[in-house]
N, C-alpha and C. Protein backbone atom coordinates (compact mmCIF):
# COMPACT_ATOMS: atom_id res chain seq x y z
N MET A 1 19.14 75.93 19.28
CA MET A 1 19.10 74.77 18.47
C MET A 1 17.73 74.61 17.99
N GLU A 2 17.53 74.27 16.73
CA GLU A 2 16.26 74.09 16.01
C GLU A 2 15.84 72.68 16.16
N ASN A 3 14.56 72.39 16.38
CA ASN A 3 14.06 70.90 16.81
C ASN A 3 14.08 70.13 15.36
N GLY A 4 13.82 70.90 14.34
CA GLY A 4 13.89 70.04 13.15
C GLY A 4 15.14 69.50 12.76
N SER A 5 16.23 70.17 13.05
CA SER A 5 17.48 69.52 12.71
C SER A 5 17.92 68.37 13.58
N VAL A 6 17.47 68.33 14.80
CA VAL A 6 17.68 67.22 15.73
C VAL A 6 17.12 65.94 15.38
N TYR A 7 15.70 66.16 14.88
CA TYR A 7 14.89 65.02 14.74
C TYR A 7 14.89 64.46 13.25
N SER A 8 15.19 65.31 12.33
CA SER A 8 15.00 65.03 10.84
C SER A 8 15.84 63.77 10.41
N PRO A 9 17.13 63.44 10.76
CA PRO A 9 17.89 62.47 10.24
C PRO A 9 17.30 61.08 10.75
N THR A 10 16.74 61.08 11.92
CA THR A 10 16.23 59.81 12.45
C THR A 10 14.68 59.49 12.17
N THR A 11 14.06 60.44 11.78
CA THR A 11 12.43 60.29 11.70
C THR A 11 12.19 59.88 10.22
N GLU A 12 11.44 58.77 10.25
CA GLU A 12 10.82 58.19 8.99
C GLU A 12 9.50 58.72 8.57
N GLU A 13 9.48 59.02 7.30
CA GLU A 13 8.19 59.61 6.80
C GLU A 13 7.08 58.60 6.91
N ASP A 14 5.87 58.98 6.89
CA ASP A 14 4.65 58.34 7.00
C ASP A 14 4.56 57.24 5.81
N PRO A 15 4.47 55.86 6.12
CA PRO A 15 4.65 54.94 5.03
C PRO A 15 3.55 54.94 4.00
N GLY A 16 2.36 55.40 4.31
CA GLY A 16 1.33 55.60 3.23
C GLY A 16 1.03 54.22 2.56
N PRO A 17 0.15 54.31 1.52
CA PRO A 17 -0.22 53.21 0.95
C PRO A 17 0.74 52.54 -0.06
N ALA A 18 1.84 53.25 -0.51
CA ALA A 18 2.68 52.76 -1.33
C ALA A 18 3.57 51.61 -0.72
N ARG A 19 3.75 51.79 0.59
CA ARG A 19 4.65 50.72 1.25
C ARG A 19 3.86 49.40 1.58
N GLY A 20 2.54 49.38 1.40
CA GLY A 20 1.71 48.14 1.60
C GLY A 20 1.52 47.86 3.09
N GLY A 21 1.42 48.88 3.90
CA GLY A 21 1.16 48.63 5.39
C GLY A 21 -0.08 48.06 5.67
N ARG A 22 -0.27 47.11 6.61
CA ARG A 22 -1.39 46.52 6.85
C ARG A 22 -2.33 47.28 7.95
N GLY A 23 -3.59 47.42 7.75
CA GLY A 23 -4.25 48.26 8.70
C GLY A 23 -5.63 47.40 9.04
N GLY A 24 -6.16 47.97 10.07
CA GLY A 24 -7.52 47.41 10.54
C GLY A 24 -7.31 46.04 10.99
N LEU A 25 -8.18 45.11 10.71
CA LEU A 25 -8.13 43.64 11.37
C LEU A 25 -6.94 42.98 10.69
N ALA A 26 -6.64 43.29 9.36
CA ALA A 26 -5.63 42.54 8.67
C ALA A 26 -4.23 42.72 9.52
N ALA A 27 -4.14 43.79 10.29
CA ALA A 27 -2.86 43.96 11.03
C ALA A 27 -2.70 43.02 12.17
N CYS A 28 -3.83 42.45 12.60
CA CYS A 28 -3.90 41.45 13.74
C CYS A 28 -4.02 40.10 13.29
N PHE A 29 -3.90 39.72 12.11
CA PHE A 29 -4.20 38.37 11.60
C PHE A 29 -2.80 37.91 10.93
N PHE A 30 -2.26 36.74 11.47
CA PHE A 30 -1.10 36.18 11.14
C PHE A 30 -1.15 34.77 10.84
N PRO A 31 -1.74 34.40 9.55
CA PRO A 31 -1.92 32.88 9.49
C PRO A 31 -0.60 32.00 9.14
N GLY A 32 0.63 32.65 9.18
CA GLY A 32 1.75 32.02 8.69
C GLY A 32 2.28 31.13 9.82
N ARG A 33 1.67 31.13 11.06
CA ARG A 33 2.26 30.43 12.22
C ARG A 33 2.07 28.86 12.06
N LEU A 34 1.01 28.57 11.16
CA LEU A 34 0.76 27.14 10.94
C LEU A 34 1.08 26.85 9.49
N PRO A 35 1.70 25.76 9.20
CA PRO A 35 1.94 25.33 7.85
C PRO A 35 0.64 25.25 7.14
N LEU A 36 0.80 25.36 5.71
CA LEU A 36 -0.48 25.35 4.90
C LEU A 36 -1.42 24.13 5.15
N TYR A 37 -0.78 22.98 5.22
CA TYR A 37 -1.54 21.72 5.27
C TYR A 37 -2.35 21.75 6.74
N ARG A 38 -1.77 22.29 7.72
CA ARG A 38 -2.41 22.55 9.00
C ARG A 38 -3.53 23.44 8.95
N ARG A 39 -3.21 24.66 8.12
CA ARG A 39 -4.28 25.71 8.09
C ARG A 39 -5.52 25.03 7.33
N LEU A 40 -5.28 24.26 6.24
CA LEU A 40 -6.33 23.62 5.59
C LEU A 40 -7.05 22.64 6.47
N LEU A 41 -6.43 21.80 7.17
CA LEU A 41 -7.09 20.87 8.17
C LEU A 41 -7.91 21.81 9.13
N LYS A 42 -7.33 22.67 9.79
CA LYS A 42 -8.14 23.64 10.71
C LYS A 42 -9.34 24.27 10.09
N GLY A 43 -9.18 24.67 8.92
CA GLY A 43 -10.33 25.40 8.24
C GLY A 43 -11.39 24.38 7.85
N SER A 44 -10.93 23.14 7.40
CA SER A 44 -11.92 22.09 7.10
C SER A 44 -12.76 21.58 8.37
N GLN A 45 -11.96 21.48 9.48
CA GLN A 45 -12.72 21.20 10.82
C GLN A 45 -13.55 22.21 11.15
N LEU A 46 -13.42 23.51 11.04
CA LEU A 46 -14.16 24.72 11.31
C LEU A 46 -15.41 24.59 10.42
N LEU A 47 -15.14 24.50 9.13
CA LEU A 47 -16.22 24.51 8.16
C LEU A 47 -17.23 23.32 8.32
N LEU A 48 -16.63 21.93 8.33
CA LEU A 48 -17.40 20.85 8.47
C LEU A 48 -18.25 20.67 9.78
N SER A 49 -17.72 21.19 10.88
CA SER A 49 -18.38 21.25 12.13
C SER A 49 -19.51 22.18 12.16
N LEU A 50 -19.29 23.36 11.39
CA LEU A 50 -20.39 24.33 11.23
C LEU A 50 -21.48 23.74 10.46
N LEU A 51 -21.16 23.04 9.33
CA LEU A 51 -22.26 22.54 8.53
C LEU A 51 -22.94 21.51 9.09
N ALA A 52 -22.23 20.66 9.96
CA ALA A 52 -22.98 19.55 10.74
C ALA A 52 -24.01 20.21 11.70
N PHE A 53 -23.36 21.27 12.39
CA PHE A 53 -24.33 21.97 13.26
C PHE A 53 -25.60 22.60 12.54
N ILE A 54 -25.26 23.35 11.49
CA ILE A 54 -26.41 23.88 10.73
C ILE A 54 -27.41 22.89 10.33
N CYS A 55 -27.02 21.85 9.66
CA CYS A 55 -27.84 20.76 9.30
C CYS A 55 -28.59 20.20 10.38
N GLU A 56 -27.98 20.02 11.44
CA GLU A 56 -28.73 19.45 12.62
C GLU A 56 -29.78 20.45 13.23
N GLU A 57 -29.49 21.75 13.08
CA GLU A 57 -30.62 22.74 13.47
C GLU A 57 -31.75 22.80 12.67
N VAL A 58 -31.58 22.22 11.36
CA VAL A 58 -32.79 22.43 10.41
C VAL A 58 -33.84 21.20 10.83
N VAL A 59 -33.35 20.19 11.54
CA VAL A 59 -34.18 19.07 11.90
C VAL A 59 -35.34 19.61 12.74
N SER A 60 -36.65 19.44 12.35
CA SER A 60 -37.81 20.03 12.97
C SER A 60 -38.42 19.03 14.00
N THR A 61 -38.40 17.76 13.64
CA THR A 61 -38.88 16.75 14.54
C THR A 61 -38.07 15.50 14.65
N CYS A 62 -38.18 14.86 15.90
CA CYS A 62 -37.35 13.63 16.13
C CYS A 62 -38.19 12.63 17.01
N THR A 63 -37.85 11.50 16.80
CA THR A 63 -38.66 10.54 17.83
C THR A 63 -37.73 10.13 18.86
N LEU A 64 -36.39 9.79 18.65
CA LEU A 64 -35.51 9.63 19.64
C LEU A 64 -34.50 10.65 19.70
N CYS A 65 -34.83 11.78 20.58
CA CYS A 65 -34.11 13.07 20.44
C CYS A 65 -32.63 12.93 21.16
N GLY A 66 -32.50 12.01 22.02
CA GLY A 66 -31.05 11.97 22.88
C GLY A 66 -30.02 12.06 21.85
N GLY A 67 -29.95 11.15 20.76
CA GLY A 67 -28.77 11.20 19.81
C GLY A 67 -28.70 12.65 19.11
N LEU A 68 -29.71 13.34 18.82
CA LEU A 68 -29.84 14.50 18.09
C LEU A 68 -29.24 15.66 19.15
N TYR A 69 -29.67 15.72 20.29
CA TYR A 69 -29.34 16.57 21.34
C TYR A 69 -27.80 16.44 21.57
N PHE A 70 -27.31 15.19 21.80
CA PHE A 70 -25.86 14.94 21.81
C PHE A 70 -25.10 15.45 20.80
N PHE A 71 -25.45 15.17 19.53
CA PHE A 71 -24.87 15.67 18.31
C PHE A 71 -24.88 17.07 18.16
N GLU A 72 -25.93 17.74 18.63
CA GLU A 72 -26.02 19.14 18.47
C GLU A 72 -25.02 19.79 19.59
N PHE A 73 -24.84 19.21 20.64
CA PHE A 73 -23.88 19.85 21.68
C PHE A 73 -22.50 19.64 21.18
N VAL A 74 -22.11 18.45 20.65
CA VAL A 74 -20.74 18.17 20.21
C VAL A 74 -20.50 18.90 18.96
N SER A 75 -21.28 19.10 18.04
CA SER A 75 -20.83 19.76 16.82
C SER A 75 -20.85 21.31 17.10
N CYS A 76 -21.56 21.87 18.04
CA CYS A 76 -21.40 23.29 18.37
C CYS A 76 -20.05 23.49 19.18
N SER A 77 -19.80 22.49 20.15
CA SER A 77 -18.61 22.58 20.85
C SER A 77 -17.50 22.46 19.94
N ALA A 78 -17.57 21.59 18.96
CA ALA A 78 -16.34 21.33 18.03
C ALA A 78 -16.10 22.69 17.19
N PHE A 79 -17.11 23.25 16.79
CA PHE A 79 -17.05 24.52 15.94
C PHE A 79 -16.44 25.60 16.80
N LEU A 80 -16.85 25.80 18.12
CA LEU A 80 -16.41 26.83 18.79
C LEU A 80 -14.92 26.48 19.33
N LEU A 81 -14.59 25.37 19.54
CA LEU A 81 -13.17 25.01 19.75
C LEU A 81 -12.21 25.11 18.71
N SER A 82 -12.69 24.79 17.50
CA SER A 82 -11.90 25.00 16.22
C SER A 82 -11.75 26.42 16.10
N LEU A 83 -12.75 27.23 16.21
CA LEU A 83 -12.53 28.65 16.09
C LEU A 83 -11.67 29.31 17.11
N LEU A 84 -11.80 28.87 18.28
CA LEU A 84 -10.87 29.30 19.36
C LEU A 84 -9.34 29.05 18.97
N LEU A 85 -9.10 27.75 18.66
CA LEU A 85 -7.68 27.42 18.41
C LEU A 85 -7.13 28.18 17.14
N LEU A 86 -8.08 28.37 15.98
CA LEU A 86 -7.59 29.05 14.96
C LEU A 86 -7.42 30.49 15.30
N ALA A 87 -8.17 31.06 16.18
CA ALA A 87 -7.94 32.49 16.58
C ALA A 87 -6.69 32.66 17.35
N VAL A 88 -6.44 31.67 18.22
CA VAL A 88 -5.10 31.77 19.00
C VAL A 88 -3.96 31.74 18.09
N TYR A 89 -3.97 30.75 17.12
CA TYR A 89 -2.81 30.69 16.12
C TYR A 89 -2.71 31.84 15.27
N CYS A 90 -3.79 32.56 14.91
CA CYS A 90 -3.71 33.54 13.88
C CYS A 90 -3.76 35.03 14.37
N THR A 91 -3.77 35.26 15.67
CA THR A 91 -3.75 36.46 16.33
C THR A 91 -2.64 36.70 17.18
N PRO A 92 -2.34 37.89 17.70
CA PRO A 92 -1.36 38.29 18.64
C PRO A 92 -1.48 37.52 19.91
N VAL A 93 -2.57 36.83 20.19
CA VAL A 93 -2.75 36.17 21.45
C VAL A 93 -1.78 35.04 21.57
N TYR A 94 -1.28 34.57 20.37
CA TYR A 94 -0.26 33.41 20.37
C TYR A 94 1.05 33.92 20.99
N ASP A 95 1.36 35.20 20.74
CA ASP A 95 2.71 35.71 21.22
C ASP A 95 2.59 35.98 22.76
N ARG A 96 1.38 36.00 23.28
CA ARG A 96 1.29 36.35 24.82
C ARG A 96 1.15 35.16 25.59
N VAL A 97 1.06 34.00 25.05
CA VAL A 97 0.97 32.76 25.70
C VAL A 97 2.09 31.88 25.35
N ASP A 98 2.40 30.83 26.16
CA ASP A 98 3.48 29.83 25.88
C ASP A 98 3.19 29.05 24.65
N ALA A 99 4.08 28.94 23.61
CA ALA A 99 3.73 28.22 22.44
C ALA A 99 3.59 26.75 22.72
N THR A 100 4.47 26.21 23.54
CA THR A 100 4.34 24.89 23.77
C THR A 100 2.98 24.54 24.52
N LYS A 101 2.38 25.32 25.26
CA LYS A 101 1.11 25.06 26.10
C LYS A 101 0.09 25.11 24.84
N VAL A 102 0.16 26.10 23.91
CA VAL A 102 -0.76 26.14 22.88
C VAL A 102 -0.80 24.90 22.08
N ARG A 103 0.33 24.47 21.70
CA ARG A 103 0.44 23.18 20.75
C ARG A 103 0.05 21.98 21.67
N SER A 104 0.30 21.94 22.93
CA SER A 104 -0.19 20.84 23.69
C SER A 104 -1.71 20.87 23.84
N SER A 105 -2.29 22.02 24.07
CA SER A 105 -3.71 22.16 24.26
C SER A 105 -4.37 21.67 22.74
N ASP A 106 -3.94 22.20 21.77
CA ASP A 106 -4.32 21.82 20.32
C ASP A 106 -4.26 20.33 20.14
N PHE A 107 -3.14 19.64 20.68
CA PHE A 107 -3.03 18.29 20.52
C PHE A 107 -4.10 17.50 21.24
N TYR A 108 -4.43 17.81 22.46
CA TYR A 108 -5.42 17.10 23.32
C TYR A 108 -6.93 17.51 22.93
N ILE A 109 -7.12 18.81 22.68
CA ILE A 109 -8.43 19.23 22.21
C ILE A 109 -8.81 18.58 20.92
N THR A 110 -7.84 18.47 19.98
CA THR A 110 -8.11 17.90 18.64
C THR A 110 -8.43 16.44 18.84
N LEU A 111 -7.61 15.62 19.58
CA LEU A 111 -7.89 14.34 19.89
C LEU A 111 -9.37 14.08 20.45
N GLY A 112 -9.63 14.82 21.57
CA GLY A 112 -10.84 14.66 22.30
C GLY A 112 -12.02 14.99 21.46
N THR A 113 -11.94 16.16 20.66
CA THR A 113 -13.00 16.48 19.78
C THR A 113 -13.25 15.46 18.64
N GLY A 114 -12.22 14.91 18.06
CA GLY A 114 -12.33 13.92 17.11
C GLY A 114 -13.06 12.67 17.48
N CYS A 115 -12.58 12.22 18.72
CA CYS A 115 -13.16 11.03 19.33
C CYS A 115 -14.71 11.20 19.66
N VAL A 116 -14.97 12.32 20.36
CA VAL A 116 -16.32 12.68 20.87
C VAL A 116 -17.32 12.87 19.57
N PHE A 117 -16.70 13.59 18.66
CA PHE A 117 -17.49 13.83 17.43
C PHE A 117 -17.82 12.50 16.75
N LEU A 118 -16.85 11.52 16.65
CA LEU A 118 -17.04 10.35 16.04
C LEU A 118 -18.07 9.53 16.70
N LEU A 119 -18.14 9.53 18.18
CA LEU A 119 -19.11 8.87 18.94
C LEU A 119 -20.41 9.51 18.71
N ALA A 120 -20.52 10.86 18.78
CA ALA A 120 -21.80 11.60 18.49
C ALA A 120 -22.39 11.25 17.21
N SER A 121 -21.54 11.18 16.22
CA SER A 121 -22.08 10.90 14.89
C SER A 121 -22.63 9.31 14.77
N THR A 122 -21.82 8.54 15.45
CA THR A 122 -22.28 7.09 15.50
C THR A 122 -23.62 6.88 16.18
N ILE A 123 -23.77 7.72 17.40
CA ILE A 123 -25.05 7.56 18.11
C ILE A 123 -26.19 8.28 17.31
N PHE A 124 -25.91 9.29 16.63
CA PHE A 124 -26.95 9.93 15.79
C PHE A 124 -27.30 9.00 14.69
N VAL A 125 -26.45 8.22 14.01
CA VAL A 125 -26.78 7.28 13.01
C VAL A 125 -27.86 6.31 13.49
N SER A 126 -27.66 5.91 14.71
CA SER A 126 -28.60 4.83 15.32
C SER A 126 -29.90 5.38 15.85
N THR A 127 -29.97 6.78 15.89
CA THR A 127 -31.23 7.29 16.40
C THR A 127 -31.98 8.19 15.52
N HIS A 128 -31.40 8.41 14.38
CA HIS A 128 -32.11 9.43 13.37
C HIS A 128 -33.35 8.94 12.70
N ASP A 129 -34.07 9.85 12.18
CA ASP A 129 -35.33 9.48 11.56
C ASP A 129 -35.23 9.54 9.98
N ARG A 130 -34.03 9.37 9.39
CA ARG A 130 -33.73 9.24 8.10
C ARG A 130 -34.39 10.45 7.17
N THR A 131 -34.44 11.67 7.68
CA THR A 131 -34.68 12.88 6.96
C THR A 131 -33.31 13.31 6.24
N SER A 132 -33.51 14.01 5.19
CA SER A 132 -32.40 14.48 4.48
C SER A 132 -31.48 15.38 5.31
N ALA A 133 -32.12 16.26 6.06
CA ALA A 133 -31.26 17.12 7.00
C ALA A 133 -30.37 16.28 7.99
N GLU A 134 -30.99 15.18 8.49
CA GLU A 134 -30.34 14.42 9.47
C GLU A 134 -29.12 13.67 8.67
N ILE A 135 -29.41 13.13 7.46
CA ILE A 135 -28.40 12.44 6.91
C ILE A 135 -27.17 13.34 6.51
N ALA A 136 -27.53 14.52 6.00
CA ALA A 136 -26.44 15.42 5.82
C ALA A 136 -25.64 15.91 6.97
N ALA A 137 -26.29 16.08 8.15
CA ALA A 137 -25.65 16.42 9.43
C ALA A 137 -24.68 15.21 9.83
N ILE A 138 -25.18 14.00 9.59
CA ILE A 138 -24.38 12.77 9.95
C ILE A 138 -23.13 12.68 8.94
N ALA A 139 -23.35 13.04 7.71
CA ALA A 139 -22.23 12.92 6.80
C ALA A 139 -21.23 14.06 7.19
N PHE A 140 -21.66 15.13 7.39
CA PHE A 140 -20.63 16.24 7.77
C PHE A 140 -20.12 15.97 9.15
N GLY A 141 -20.77 15.39 10.01
CA GLY A 141 -20.23 14.99 11.32
C GLY A 141 -19.11 13.98 11.25
N PHE A 142 -19.24 12.89 10.43
CA PHE A 142 -18.22 11.97 10.17
C PHE A 142 -17.07 12.59 9.49
N MET A 143 -17.32 13.33 8.46
CA MET A 143 -16.20 14.06 7.75
C MET A 143 -15.38 14.97 8.68
N ALA A 144 -16.17 15.75 9.55
CA ALA A 144 -15.49 16.60 10.50
C ALA A 144 -14.64 15.66 11.54
N SER A 145 -15.15 14.66 12.10
CA SER A 145 -14.54 13.83 12.97
C SER A 145 -13.15 13.23 12.35
N ILE A 146 -13.25 12.92 11.05
CA ILE A 146 -12.19 12.46 10.23
C ILE A 146 -11.09 13.46 10.17
N MET A 147 -11.58 14.69 9.93
CA MET A 147 -10.46 15.82 9.85
C MET A 147 -9.92 16.05 11.13
N PHE A 148 -10.56 15.97 12.17
CA PHE A 148 -9.93 16.06 13.55
C PHE A 148 -8.94 15.07 13.96
N LEU A 149 -9.34 13.85 13.39
CA LEU A 149 -8.43 12.76 13.80
C LEU A 149 -7.18 12.73 12.85
N VAL A 150 -7.38 13.17 11.58
CA VAL A 150 -6.20 13.37 10.67
C VAL A 150 -5.26 14.44 11.20
N ASP A 151 -5.78 15.43 11.63
CA ASP A 151 -5.00 16.56 12.29
C ASP A 151 -4.32 16.08 13.44
N PHE A 152 -4.85 15.29 14.35
CA PHE A 152 -4.28 14.68 15.50
C PHE A 152 -3.15 13.85 15.06
N ALA A 153 -3.32 12.99 13.91
CA ALA A 153 -2.29 12.03 13.41
C ALA A 153 -1.07 12.83 12.88
N VAL A 154 -1.46 13.95 12.30
CA VAL A 154 -0.37 14.89 11.82
C VAL A 154 0.43 15.38 12.88
N MET A 155 -0.29 15.87 13.93
CA MET A 155 0.49 16.38 15.08
C MET A 155 1.26 15.41 15.79
N LEU A 156 0.77 14.11 15.92
CA LEU A 156 1.53 13.10 16.54
C LEU A 156 2.77 12.72 15.80
N TYR A 157 2.64 12.63 14.42
CA TYR A 157 3.78 12.34 13.66
C TYR A 157 4.81 13.52 13.73
N THR A 158 4.51 14.77 13.75
CA THR A 158 5.38 15.79 13.97
C THR A 158 6.14 15.76 15.14
N LYS A 159 5.36 15.56 16.25
CA LYS A 159 5.80 15.46 17.58
C LYS A 159 6.80 14.29 17.78
N ARG A 160 6.56 13.17 17.12
CA ARG A 160 7.58 12.01 17.08
C ARG A 160 8.83 12.40 16.42
N GLN A 161 8.71 13.06 15.24
CA GLN A 161 9.81 13.51 14.49
C GLN A 161 10.70 14.50 15.18
N GLU A 162 10.01 15.39 15.94
CA GLU A 162 10.82 16.25 16.65
C GLU A 162 11.55 15.69 17.89
N SER A 163 10.97 14.71 18.50
CA SER A 163 11.54 13.99 19.65
C SER A 163 12.71 13.06 19.10
N GLN A 164 12.59 12.49 17.90
CA GLN A 164 13.74 11.82 17.33
C GLN A 164 14.80 12.68 16.91
N LEU A 165 14.62 13.84 16.53
CA LEU A 165 15.69 14.69 16.28
C LEU A 165 16.44 15.25 17.53
N ARG A 166 15.69 15.41 18.63
CA ARG A 166 16.23 15.95 19.84
C ARG A 166 17.00 14.81 20.63
N LYS A 167 16.68 13.45 20.29
CA LYS A 167 17.22 12.48 21.11
C LYS A 167 18.62 12.26 20.56
N PRO A 168 19.65 12.15 21.42
CA PRO A 168 21.00 11.98 20.97
C PRO A 168 21.29 10.49 20.73
N GLU A 169 22.08 10.31 19.65
CA GLU A 169 22.32 8.92 19.32
C GLU A 169 23.32 8.31 20.33
N SER A 170 23.08 7.23 20.86
CA SER A 170 23.92 6.49 21.70
C SER A 170 24.80 5.57 20.95
N SER A 171 25.93 6.13 20.52
CA SER A 171 26.91 5.33 19.62
C SER A 171 28.08 4.79 20.50
N THR A 172 27.88 4.67 21.83
CA THR A 172 28.99 4.15 22.63
C THR A 172 29.20 2.77 22.40
N ARG A 173 30.38 2.25 22.41
CA ARG A 173 30.64 0.79 22.13
C ARG A 173 30.55 0.15 23.66
N ALA A 174 30.27 -1.14 23.50
CA ALA A 174 30.20 -2.00 24.82
C ALA A 174 31.59 -2.12 25.23
N GLU A 175 32.52 -2.47 24.23
CA GLU A 175 34.02 -2.52 24.62
C GLU A 175 34.57 -1.40 25.46
N ALA A 176 34.22 -0.24 24.90
CA ALA A 176 34.80 1.04 25.62
C ALA A 176 34.26 1.05 26.94
N LEU A 177 33.25 0.56 27.36
CA LEU A 177 32.71 0.64 28.67
C LEU A 177 33.48 -0.35 29.64
N THR A 178 33.96 -1.40 29.06
CA THR A 178 34.72 -2.32 29.89
C THR A 178 36.11 -2.22 30.01
N GLU A 179 36.77 -1.21 29.16
CA GLU A 179 38.19 -0.98 29.33
C GLU A 179 38.56 -0.15 30.52
N PRO A 180 39.69 -0.29 31.03
CA PRO A 180 40.08 0.32 32.29
C PRO A 180 40.30 1.91 31.78
N LEU A 181 40.16 2.67 32.79
CA LEU A 181 40.42 4.16 32.36
C LEU A 181 41.79 4.55 32.30
N ASN A 182 42.68 3.90 33.04
CA ASN A 182 43.98 4.27 33.12
C ASN A 182 45.05 3.62 32.06
N ALA A 183 44.30 2.89 31.12
CA ALA A 183 45.16 2.01 30.20
C ALA A 183 45.62 2.93 29.13
């Protein structure tokens, strides 16, 4: 028996470039797990927290440095957490972990980051030296915290909508409960 005749009907040809196969890093990137509006929110969180961090790093001198250092820590942490969440949603890592745990982590991380970023921006407003880099960092910090809190509100709304769909309607009548069973 010849090997070619056994394997030829079930073997597929090499797809090649005509089939549009994804290769390299593109094969590991799946942005479709998040709806478009959530991807835009996550992208804006990432970009705004990075811009806040970069503007803060440009500041060369400060008189009350506590607010600056706290803002630096929060903006860098917010950038890294946003990057981590976006990487989990858009890579095969999402398939290896429980999806409900990822969504739950995203829910609480987004809430915590938004609140702490808002606090750090408020503290930095009260301690800055009014340089243009500090004002830009504060503006990006407030915008980033708003994006985090809007994303949290969207997730909260979605979570409530899902719980309303899962909750069965209790359409039992009060009269039916008081009637005898054998009647």
